């Protein structure tokens, strides 16, 4: 749907006279920013070592 909406837009703001590479540059920039955001959100949890949390090894 998003791709269909992007290719089906009728822009009457002067952007239609720009070269074609401008559209692809904006598209690529959005794609890169989306991937960076996805990597930031899905970042792995930091590993908690026993040295920093000595209470984890207490025996009951």
N, C-alpha and C. Protein backbone atom coordinates (compact mmCIF):
# COMPACT_ATOMS: atom_id res chain seq x y z
N UNK A 1 0.81 -1.18 0.00
CA UNK A 1 0.00 0.00 0.00
C UNK A 1 0.86 1.26 0.00
N UNK A 2 1.91 1.24 0.82
CA UNK A 2 2.77 2.42 0.90
C UNK A 2 3.49 2.67 -0.43
N UNK A 3 3.94 1.60 -1.06
CA UNK A 3 4.63 1.75 -2.35
C UNK A 3 3.65 2.25 -3.41
N UNK A 4 2.44 1.71 -3.40
CA UNK A 4 1.44 2.16 -4.34
C UNK A 4 1.08 3.62 -4.14
N UNK A 5 1.01 4.04 -2.87
CA UNK A 5 0.71 5.44 -2.57
C UNK A 5 1.86 6.34 -3.01
N UNK A 6 3.09 5.90 -2.81
CA UNK A 6 4.24 6.73 -3.19
C UNK A 6 4.32 6.89 -4.71
N UNK A 7 4.09 5.81 -5.44
CA UNK A 7 4.17 5.90 -6.90
C UNK A 7 2.91 6.53 -7.51
N UNK A 8 1.81 6.56 -6.78
CA UNK A 8 0.57 7.09 -7.31
C UNK A 8 0.33 8.55 -6.96
N UNK A 9 1.28 9.19 -6.30
CA UNK A 9 1.09 10.59 -5.91
C UNK A 9 1.17 11.52 -7.11
N UNK A 10 0.33 12.52 -7.11
CA UNK A 10 0.39 13.58 -8.11
C UNK A 10 0.80 14.85 -7.39
N UNK A 11 2.09 15.18 -7.47
CA UNK A 11 2.62 16.34 -6.76
C UNK A 11 2.59 17.54 -7.69
N UNK A 12 1.95 18.60 -7.26
CA UNK A 12 1.90 19.83 -8.04
C UNK A 12 2.54 20.95 -7.22
N UNK A 13 3.76 20.72 -6.79
CA UNK A 13 4.44 21.70 -5.94
C UNK A 13 5.78 22.13 -6.53
N UNK A 14 6.06 21.73 -7.74
CA UNK A 14 7.34 22.04 -8.34
C UNK A 14 8.31 20.88 -8.27
N UNK A 15 7.97 19.87 -7.48
CA UNK A 15 8.86 18.71 -7.35
C UNK A 15 8.84 17.84 -8.61
N UNK A 16 7.78 17.95 -9.42
CA UNK A 16 7.72 17.13 -10.62
C UNK A 16 8.76 17.54 -11.65
N UNK A 17 9.33 18.73 -11.50
CA UNK A 17 10.35 19.17 -12.45
C UNK A 17 11.77 18.82 -11.98
N UNK A 18 11.89 18.25 -10.79
CA UNK A 18 13.21 17.84 -10.30
C UNK A 18 13.65 16.57 -11.00
N UNK A 19 14.97 16.34 -11.05
CA UNK A 19 15.46 15.10 -11.66
C UNK A 19 14.98 13.87 -10.88
N UNK A 20 14.95 12.73 -11.55
CA UNK A 20 14.45 11.50 -10.94
C UNK A 20 15.28 11.00 -9.77
N UNK A 21 16.56 11.32 -9.75
CA UNK A 21 17.41 10.80 -8.67
C UNK A 21 17.05 11.42 -7.32
N UNK A 22 16.40 12.59 -7.32
CA UNK A 22 16.01 13.23 -6.06
C UNK A 22 14.99 12.36 -5.34
N UNK A 23 14.01 11.84 -6.08
CA UNK A 23 13.02 10.95 -5.49
C UNK A 23 13.69 9.73 -4.88
N UNK A 24 14.61 9.12 -5.62
CA UNK A 24 15.27 7.91 -5.11
C UNK A 24 16.19 8.23 -3.94
N UNK A 25 16.77 9.42 -3.91
CA UNK A 25 17.60 9.82 -2.77
C UNK A 25 16.74 9.95 -1.51
N UNK A 26 15.57 10.56 -1.65
CA UNK A 26 14.66 10.69 -0.50
C UNK A 26 14.16 9.32 -0.07
N UNK A 27 13.81 8.48 -1.02
CA UNK A 27 13.36 7.12 -0.73
C UNK A 27 14.46 6.33 -0.01
N UNK A 28 15.71 6.41 -0.51
CA UNK A 28 16.83 5.70 0.11
C UNK A 28 17.14 6.24 1.51
N UNK A 29 17.06 7.56 1.68
CA UNK A 29 17.29 8.14 3.00
C UNK A 29 16.25 7.66 4.01
N UNK A 30 15.00 7.60 3.59
CA UNK A 30 13.95 7.09 4.47
C UNK A 30 14.16 5.63 4.81
N UNK A 31 14.60 4.85 3.83
CA UNK A 31 14.87 3.44 4.06
C UNK A 31 16.01 3.25 5.05
N UNK A 32 17.09 4.01 4.88
CA UNK A 32 18.23 3.92 5.79
C UNK A 32 17.82 4.33 7.21
N UNK A 33 17.08 5.43 7.32
CA UNK A 33 16.64 5.87 8.65
C UNK A 33 15.73 4.83 9.29
N UNK A 34 14.88 4.18 8.51
CA UNK A 34 14.03 3.12 9.04
C UNK A 34 14.83 1.94 9.55
N UNK A 35 15.86 1.56 8.81
CA UNK A 35 16.70 0.44 9.25
C UNK A 35 17.49 0.79 10.50
N UNK A 36 17.98 2.03 10.58
CA UNK A 36 18.69 2.47 11.79
C UNK A 36 17.76 2.46 12.99
N UNK A 37 16.55 2.94 12.81
CA UNK A 37 15.57 2.95 13.89
C UNK A 37 15.22 1.54 14.31
N UNK A 38 15.06 0.64 13.35
CA UNK A 38 14.75 -0.76 13.66
C UNK A 38 15.89 -1.39 14.45
N UNK A 39 17.12 -1.12 14.07
CA UNK A 39 18.27 -1.66 14.80
C UNK A 39 18.37 -1.10 16.20
N UNK A 40 18.00 0.16 16.36
CA UNK A 40 18.06 0.78 17.68
C UNK A 40 16.98 0.22 18.59
N UNK A 41 15.79 0.01 18.06
CA UNK A 41 14.69 -0.50 18.86
C UNK A 41 14.91 -1.97 19.21
N UNK A 42 15.46 -2.73 18.30
CA UNK A 42 15.68 -4.16 18.52
C UNK A 42 17.07 -4.46 19.06
N UNK A 43 17.72 -3.48 19.68
CA UNK A 43 19.06 -3.69 20.21
C UNK A 43 19.02 -4.77 21.29
N UNK A 44 20.03 -5.63 21.33
CA UNK A 44 20.03 -6.69 22.34
C UNK A 44 20.20 -6.13 23.75
N UNK A 45 19.65 -6.84 24.71
CA UNK A 45 19.79 -6.46 26.10
C UNK A 45 21.26 -6.63 26.52
N UNK A 46 21.77 -5.74 27.36
CA UNK A 46 23.15 -5.92 27.83
C UNK A 46 23.25 -7.15 28.73
N UNK A 47 24.36 -7.84 28.63
CA UNK A 47 24.60 -9.04 29.42
C UNK A 47 24.97 -8.63 30.84
N UNK A 48 24.30 -9.22 31.82
CA UNK A 48 24.59 -8.92 33.23
C UNK A 48 25.54 -10.00 33.72
N UNK A 49 26.74 -9.58 34.09
CA UNK A 49 27.71 -10.56 34.56
C UNK A 49 27.55 -10.79 36.06
N UNK A 50 28.10 -11.89 36.53
CA UNK A 50 28.02 -12.25 37.95
C UNK A 50 28.84 -11.26 38.77
N UNK A 51 29.89 -10.70 38.20
CA UNK A 51 30.73 -9.77 38.94
C UNK A 51 29.97 -8.48 39.29
N UNK A 52 29.05 -8.08 38.45
CA UNK A 52 28.31 -6.86 38.73
C UNK A 52 27.07 -7.13 39.57
N UNK A 53 26.61 -8.38 39.63
CA UNK A 53 25.42 -8.74 40.41
C UNK A 53 25.74 -9.93 41.30
N UNK A 54 26.51 -9.73 42.38
CA UNK A 54 26.93 -10.87 43.20
C UNK A 54 25.77 -11.55 43.91
N UNK A 55 24.62 -10.91 44.06
CA UNK A 55 23.50 -11.52 44.75
C UNK A 55 22.83 -12.64 43.96
N UNK A 56 23.20 -12.81 42.72
CA UNK A 56 22.58 -13.83 41.91
C UNK A 56 23.01 -15.25 42.30
N UNK A 57 24.16 -15.40 42.94
CA UNK A 57 24.68 -16.72 43.27
C UNK A 57 24.42 -17.14 44.72
N UNK A 58 23.58 -16.42 45.43
CA UNK A 58 23.29 -16.79 46.83
C UNK A 58 22.52 -18.08 46.87
N UNK A 59 22.96 -18.95 47.79
CA UNK A 59 22.27 -20.23 47.96
C UNK A 59 21.24 -20.07 49.07
N UNK A 60 20.14 -20.73 48.90
CA UNK A 60 19.07 -20.66 49.90
C UNK A 60 19.22 -21.74 50.93
